[in-house]
Amino acid sequence: MTKNRDAEDDTAMWLTREHYALGHDSCLPCPRAVLVKWPSGEPSRSLVIGIAGGSGSGKTTISESVLEEVGPDAVLIQHDSYYRHNPGLPFEERTKINYDHPDSLETDLLVKHVSELVAGAPVDIPVYDFNQHVRSDETRNVKPAPVILLEGILVLAEVEMRALMDLKIYVDTESDVRLARRLSRDITERGRSAESVISQYLETVRPMHLQFVEPSKRYADLIVPEGYNPGAVGTVIHMIQKVAAGGDLWPR
């Protein structure tokens, strides 16, 4: 297998489940690498793509860019929408929950919803209020689509989630860049103080990243280094178009 160094997707690193890698400038085959096909299952069903990475890695930007390019043939579901609903806890107690641990998310409900979408049924997904740390009374109706994008820091960490996915992507970004982005987002969009964001990062975000998020990278079929870049989006779009046209993801 060869790669054009001037190709638009030159910034993407490719992996199979046995870690067949293409770096920026050269092909780096691992011993006994086994190429796989995508998608699995019936060709007429929805393609489920998981996009993971640390908080502030750029995974949401990539997800939204793919969504914009694919248009109405794709839907985006964020794992964050499925934070557990704890209205019985006082607000101060809710602020102390470790929201970076897998137990903070109702992943079973997300798995159920994605399974229903793949089966052709619409679902009503939760709308989470990040200021009050509870689900709102509203829900978002999502209809089945040819492409389902699942985005979140832990979507590759859960075996039940991975079993639903045809393509697993991990966005790999340096920790200092991720922290800067998280600071900007939480202060601007969620009304947090810089002190509280940094405290949460040190107490839960970083430890949980090292324990759960970073290790999930080994399950990725495609690793995007250095966060969002147009080449990475172009690569994913090309994959979707190739499969939609009846082709195989991995060259023989």
Protein backbone atom coordinates (compact mmCIF):
# COMPACT_ATOMS: atom_id res chain seq x y z
CA MET A 1 0.00 0.00 0.00
CA THR A 2 1.33 3.46 -0.84
CA LYS A 3 0.29 6.94 0.02
CA ASN A 4 0.57 10.23 -1.89
CA ARG A 5 2.35 12.71 0.36
CA ASP A 6 0.47 15.57 -1.28
CA ALA A 7 -2.97 14.00 -0.79
CA GLU A 8 -5.59 16.00 1.07
CA ASP A 9 -5.92 13.34 3.79
CA ASP A 10 -2.19 13.29 4.54
CA THR A 11 -2.83 14.32 8.16
CA ALA A 12 -4.88 11.22 8.98
CA MET A 13 -3.40 8.08 10.50
CA TRP A 14 -5.04 4.84 9.44
CA LEU A 15 -5.44 1.73 11.59
CA THR A 16 -7.20 -1.59 11.33
CA ARG A 17 -8.32 -3.37 14.45
CA GLU A 18 -4.89 -5.03 14.48
CA HIS A 19 -3.16 -1.65 14.05
CA TYR A 20 -2.12 -1.35 10.42
CA ALA A 21 -0.81 2.19 10.40
CA LEU A 22 -0.15 4.84 7.78
CA GLY A 23 1.78 7.75 9.22
CA HIS A 24 2.13 11.25 7.82
CA ASP A 25 4.82 10.38 5.30
CA SER A 26 5.21 6.64 5.06
CA CYS A 27 3.52 3.27 5.33
CA LEU A 28 4.26 1.52 8.63
CA PRO A 29 2.76 -1.98 8.48
CA CYS A 30 2.58 -3.88 11.77
CA PRO A 31 3.33 -7.63 11.83
CA ARG A 32 0.40 -9.91 11.00
CA ALA A 33 -1.88 -6.96 10.31
CA VAL A 34 -5.30 -8.06 9.07
CA LEU A 35 -7.27 -5.74 6.82
CA VAL A 36 -10.98 -5.52 7.55
CA LYS A 37 -14.04 -4.48 5.60
CA TRP A 38 -16.47 -1.74 6.52
CA PRO A 39 -19.32 -1.67 7.14
CA SER A 40 -20.21 -4.94 8.83
CA GLY A 41 -23.66 -6.43 8.58
CA GLU A 42 -26.27 -5.75 5.94
CA PRO A 43 -25.28 -3.13 3.33
CA SER A 44 -28.71 -1.48 3.47
CA ARG A 45 -28.55 -0.51 7.13
CA SER A 46 -27.29 2.73 8.63
CA LEU A 47 -23.55 3.29 8.94
CA VAL A 48 -22.64 4.00 12.57
CA ILE A 49 -19.47 6.05 13.10
CA GLY A 50 -18.03 6.65 16.57
CA ILE A 51 -15.85 9.72 17.13
CA ALA A 52 -13.96 9.83 20.44
CA GLY A 53 -11.09 11.77 21.98
CA GLY A 54 -10.28 13.76 25.08
CA SER A 55 -12.27 16.78 26.19
CA GLY A 56 -11.32 19.68 23.90
CA SER A 57 -9.65 17.41 21.33
CA GLY A 58 -11.69 18.74 18.41
CA LYS A 59 -13.98 15.72 18.03
CA THR A 60 -17.14 17.86 18.12
CA THR A 61 -15.78 20.15 15.40
CA ILE A 62 -14.94 17.16 13.23
CA SER A 63 -18.36 15.60 13.88
CA GLU A 64 -20.20 18.79 13.00
CA SER A 65 -18.07 19.29 9.88
CA VAL A 66 -18.86 15.77 8.68
CA LEU A 67 -22.53 16.38 9.46
CA GLU A 68 -22.49 19.59 7.42
CA GLU A 69 -20.81 17.89 4.46
CA VAL A 70 -23.08 14.83 4.44
CA GLY A 71 -26.21 16.91 5.01
CA PRO A 72 -29.63 15.37 5.71
CA ASP A 73 -28.27 11.85 5.18
CA ALA A 74 -26.53 12.04 8.57
CA VAL A 75 -27.52 12.61 12.20
CA LEU A 76 -25.27 13.46 15.14
CA ILE A 77 -25.86 12.08 18.62
CA GLN A 78 -23.64 13.21 21.48
CA HIS A 79 -22.92 10.96 24.45
CA ASP A 80 -23.10 14.06 26.68
CA SER A 81 -26.86 14.17 26.11
CA TYR A 82 -27.13 10.99 28.16
CA TYR A 83 -25.72 12.20 31.47
CA ARG A 84 -27.80 10.63 34.20
CA HIS A 85 -30.76 12.64 35.48
CA ASN A 86 -30.35 13.39 39.19
CA PRO A 87 -33.04 15.95 40.08
CA GLY A 88 -33.31 14.52 43.59
CA LEU A 89 -29.79 15.64 44.46
CA PRO A 90 -29.17 19.22 45.64
CA PHE A 91 -27.40 21.41 43.08
CA GLU A 92 -24.18 21.46 45.11
CA GLU A 93 -24.13 17.68 45.17
CA ARG A 94 -24.72 17.50 41.44
CA THR A 95 -21.71 19.74 40.83
CA LYS A 96 -19.52 17.21 42.66
CA ILE A 97 -20.41 14.27 40.40
CA ASN A 98 -17.53 12.91 38.35
CA TYR A 99 -18.92 13.58 34.88
CA ASP A 100 -15.85 12.10 33.21
CA HIS A 101 -16.47 8.60 34.60
CA PRO A 102 -18.47 6.11 32.51
CA ASP A 103 -20.96 5.64 35.37
CA SER A 104 -22.13 9.26 34.97
CA LEU A 105 -23.69 8.38 31.60
CA GLU A 106 -26.79 6.34 30.83
CA THR A 107 -25.05 4.46 28.06
CA ASP A 108 -27.64 1.68 28.05
CA LEU A 109 -30.26 4.18 26.88
CA LEU A 110 -27.96 5.46 24.14
CA VAL A 111 -27.30 1.91 22.94
CA LYS A 112 -31.05 1.30 22.89
CA HIS A 113 -31.69 4.47 20.91
CA VAL A 114 -28.97 3.76 18.34
CA SER A 115 -30.24 0.21 17.91
CA GLU A 116 -33.73 1.56 17.28
CA LEU A 117 -32.44 4.06 14.72
CA VAL A 118 -30.53 1.32 12.90
CA ALA A 119 -33.75 -0.72 12.91
CA GLY A 120 -35.57 2.22 11.26
CA ALA A 121 -37.44 3.70 14.22
CA PRO A 122 -37.26 7.37 15.35
CA VAL A 123 -36.15 8.15 18.92
CA ASP A 124 -36.45 11.01 21.40
CA ILE A 125 -33.05 11.71 22.91
CA PRO A 126 -32.54 13.69 26.14
CA VAL A 127 -31.55 17.36 26.20
CA TYR A 128 -29.08 17.99 29.02
CA ASP A 129 -28.82 21.27 30.91
CA PHE A 130 -25.11 21.72 31.65
CA ASN A 131 -25.74 24.76 33.85
CA GLN A 132 -28.10 22.95 36.22
CA HIS A 133 -26.61 19.46 35.75
CA VAL A 134 -29.98 17.83 35.01
CA ARG A 135 -31.92 16.86 31.92
CA SER A 136 -34.38 19.44 30.70
CA ASP A 137 -38.04 18.65 30.14
CA GLU A 138 -37.44 18.78 26.39
CA THR A 139 -36.27 15.97 24.13
CA ARG A 140 -34.89 15.99 20.59
CA ASN A 141 -36.62 13.82 18.03
CA VAL A 142 -34.13 12.05 15.79
CA LYS A 143 -35.21 10.12 12.72
CA PRO A 144 -33.31 7.24 11.10
CA ALA A 145 -30.61 8.27 8.62
CA PRO A 146 -28.07 6.51 6.38
CA VAL A 147 -25.20 7.78 8.58
CA ILE A 148 -25.29 7.97 12.39
CA LEU A 149 -22.45 9.87 14.08
CA LEU A 150 -21.82 9.11 17.77
CA GLU A 151 -19.55 11.62 19.50
CA GLY A 152 -18.15 11.71 23.03
CA ILE A 153 -15.06 11.17 25.13
CA LEU A 154 -16.11 7.66 26.15
CA VAL A 155 -17.88 6.25 23.09
CA LEU A 156 -14.96 3.89 22.38
CA ALA A 157 -14.52 2.93 26.04
CA GLU A 158 -17.81 1.04 26.22
CA VAL A 159 -17.90 -2.41 24.62
CA GLU A 160 -21.65 -2.16 23.96
CA MET A 161 -21.10 1.07 22.06
CA ARG A 162 -18.21 -0.30 20.01
CA ALA A 163 -20.33 -3.28 18.98
CA LEU A 164 -22.72 -0.89 17.20
CA MET A 165 -20.01 0.92 15.24
CA ASP A 166 -18.83 0.32 11.70
CA LEU A 167 -16.03 2.86 11.93
CA LYS A 168 -14.28 4.00 15.12
CA ILE A 169 -12.33 7.28 15.10
CA TYR A 170 -10.12 8.73 17.82
CA VAL A 171 -9.07 12.40 17.75
CA ASP A 172 -5.64 12.64 19.37
CA THR A 173 -4.72 16.12 20.65
CA GLU A 174 -2.08 17.31 23.12
CA SER A 175 -3.28 17.87 26.69
CA ASP A 176 -2.31 21.56 26.87
CA VAL A 177 -4.36 22.32 23.75
CA ARG A 178 -7.32 20.37 25.12
CA LEU A 179 -7.21 22.21 28.46
CA ALA A 180 -7.10 25.62 26.75
CA ARG A 181 -10.11 24.73 24.63
CA ARG A 182 -12.03 23.38 27.61
CA LEU A 183 -11.36 26.56 29.57
CA SER A 184 -12.66 28.71 26.74
CA ARG A 185 -15.76 26.55 26.19
CA ASP A 186 -16.80 26.15 29.83
CA ILE A 187 -16.30 29.81 30.69
CA THR A 188 -18.03 31.12 27.57
CA GLU A 189 -20.79 28.57 27.04
CA ARG A 190 -21.46 27.12 30.48
CA GLY A 191 -20.89 30.08 32.79
CA ARG A 192 -18.05 28.43 34.71
CA SER A 193 -15.17 30.19 36.43
CA ALA A 194 -11.60 29.53 35.36
CA GLU A 195 -10.81 28.27 38.86
CA SER A 196 -13.61 25.71 38.80
CA VAL A 197 -12.66 24.47 35.32
CA ILE A 198 -9.01 23.97 36.29
CA SER A 199 -9.99 22.31 39.57
CA GLN A 200 -12.28 19.87 37.76
CA TYR A 201 -9.60 19.18 35.17
CA LEU A 202 -7.04 18.21 37.82
CA GLU A 203 -9.46 16.27 40.03
CA THR A 204 -11.45 14.29 37.45
CA VAL A 205 -10.89 15.18 33.79
CA ARG A 206 -7.20 14.32 33.59
CA PRO A 207 -7.34 11.18 35.78
CA MET A 208 -10.37 9.84 33.89
CA HIS A 209 -8.72 10.64 30.56
CA LEU A 210 -5.71 8.56 31.55
CA GLN A 211 -7.84 5.73 32.96
CA PHE A 212 -10.60 5.46 30.34
CA VAL A 213 -10.30 7.81 27.36
CA GLU A 214 -6.68 7.43 26.29
CA PRO A 215 -6.72 3.60 26.55
CA SER A 216 -9.79 3.48 24.27
CA LYS A 217 -7.59 4.75 21.43
CA ARG A 218 -6.45 1.17 20.84
CA TYR A 219 -9.92 0.30 19.52
CA ALA A 220 -9.83 2.98 16.82
CA ASP A 221 -9.84 2.17 13.13
CA LEU A 222 -8.70 5.69 12.34
CA ILE A 223 -6.67 8.08 14.49
CA VAL A 224 -6.74 11.79 13.66
CA PRO A 225 -3.65 13.50 15.13
CA GLU A 226 -3.56 17.12 16.29
CA GLY A 227 -7.32 17.67 16.40
CA TYR A 228 -9.48 19.10 13.66
CA ASN A 229 -8.07 19.46 10.17
CA PRO A 230 -9.79 19.56 6.77
CA GLY A 231 -7.90 16.49 5.60
CA ALA A 232 -9.36 14.38 8.41
CA VAL A 233 -12.89 15.46 7.54
CA GLY A 234 -12.20 14.78 3.87
CA THR A 235 -10.98 11.29 4.75
CA VAL A 236 -14.16 10.43 6.64
CA ILE A 237 -16.36 11.89 3.88
CA HIS A 238 -14.44 9.84 1.32
CA MET A 239 -15.01 6.69 3.39
CA ILE A 240 -18.75 7.35 3.61
CA GLN A 241 -18.99 8.03 -0.12
CA LYS A 242 -16.96 4.94 -0.95
CA VAL A 243 -19.16 2.63 1.10
CA ALA A 244 -22.33 4.32 -0.19
CA ALA A 245 -21.11 3.52 -3.71
CA GLY A 246 -20.70 -0.14 -2.79
CA GLY A 247 -16.95 -0.18 -2.25
CA ASP A 248 -14.80 -1.61 0.53
CA LEU A 249 -13.12 0.61 3.09
CA TRP A 250 -9.79 -1.22 3.16
CA PRO A 251 -7.84 -1.83 -0.07
CA ARG A 252 -6.93 -5.39 -0.85
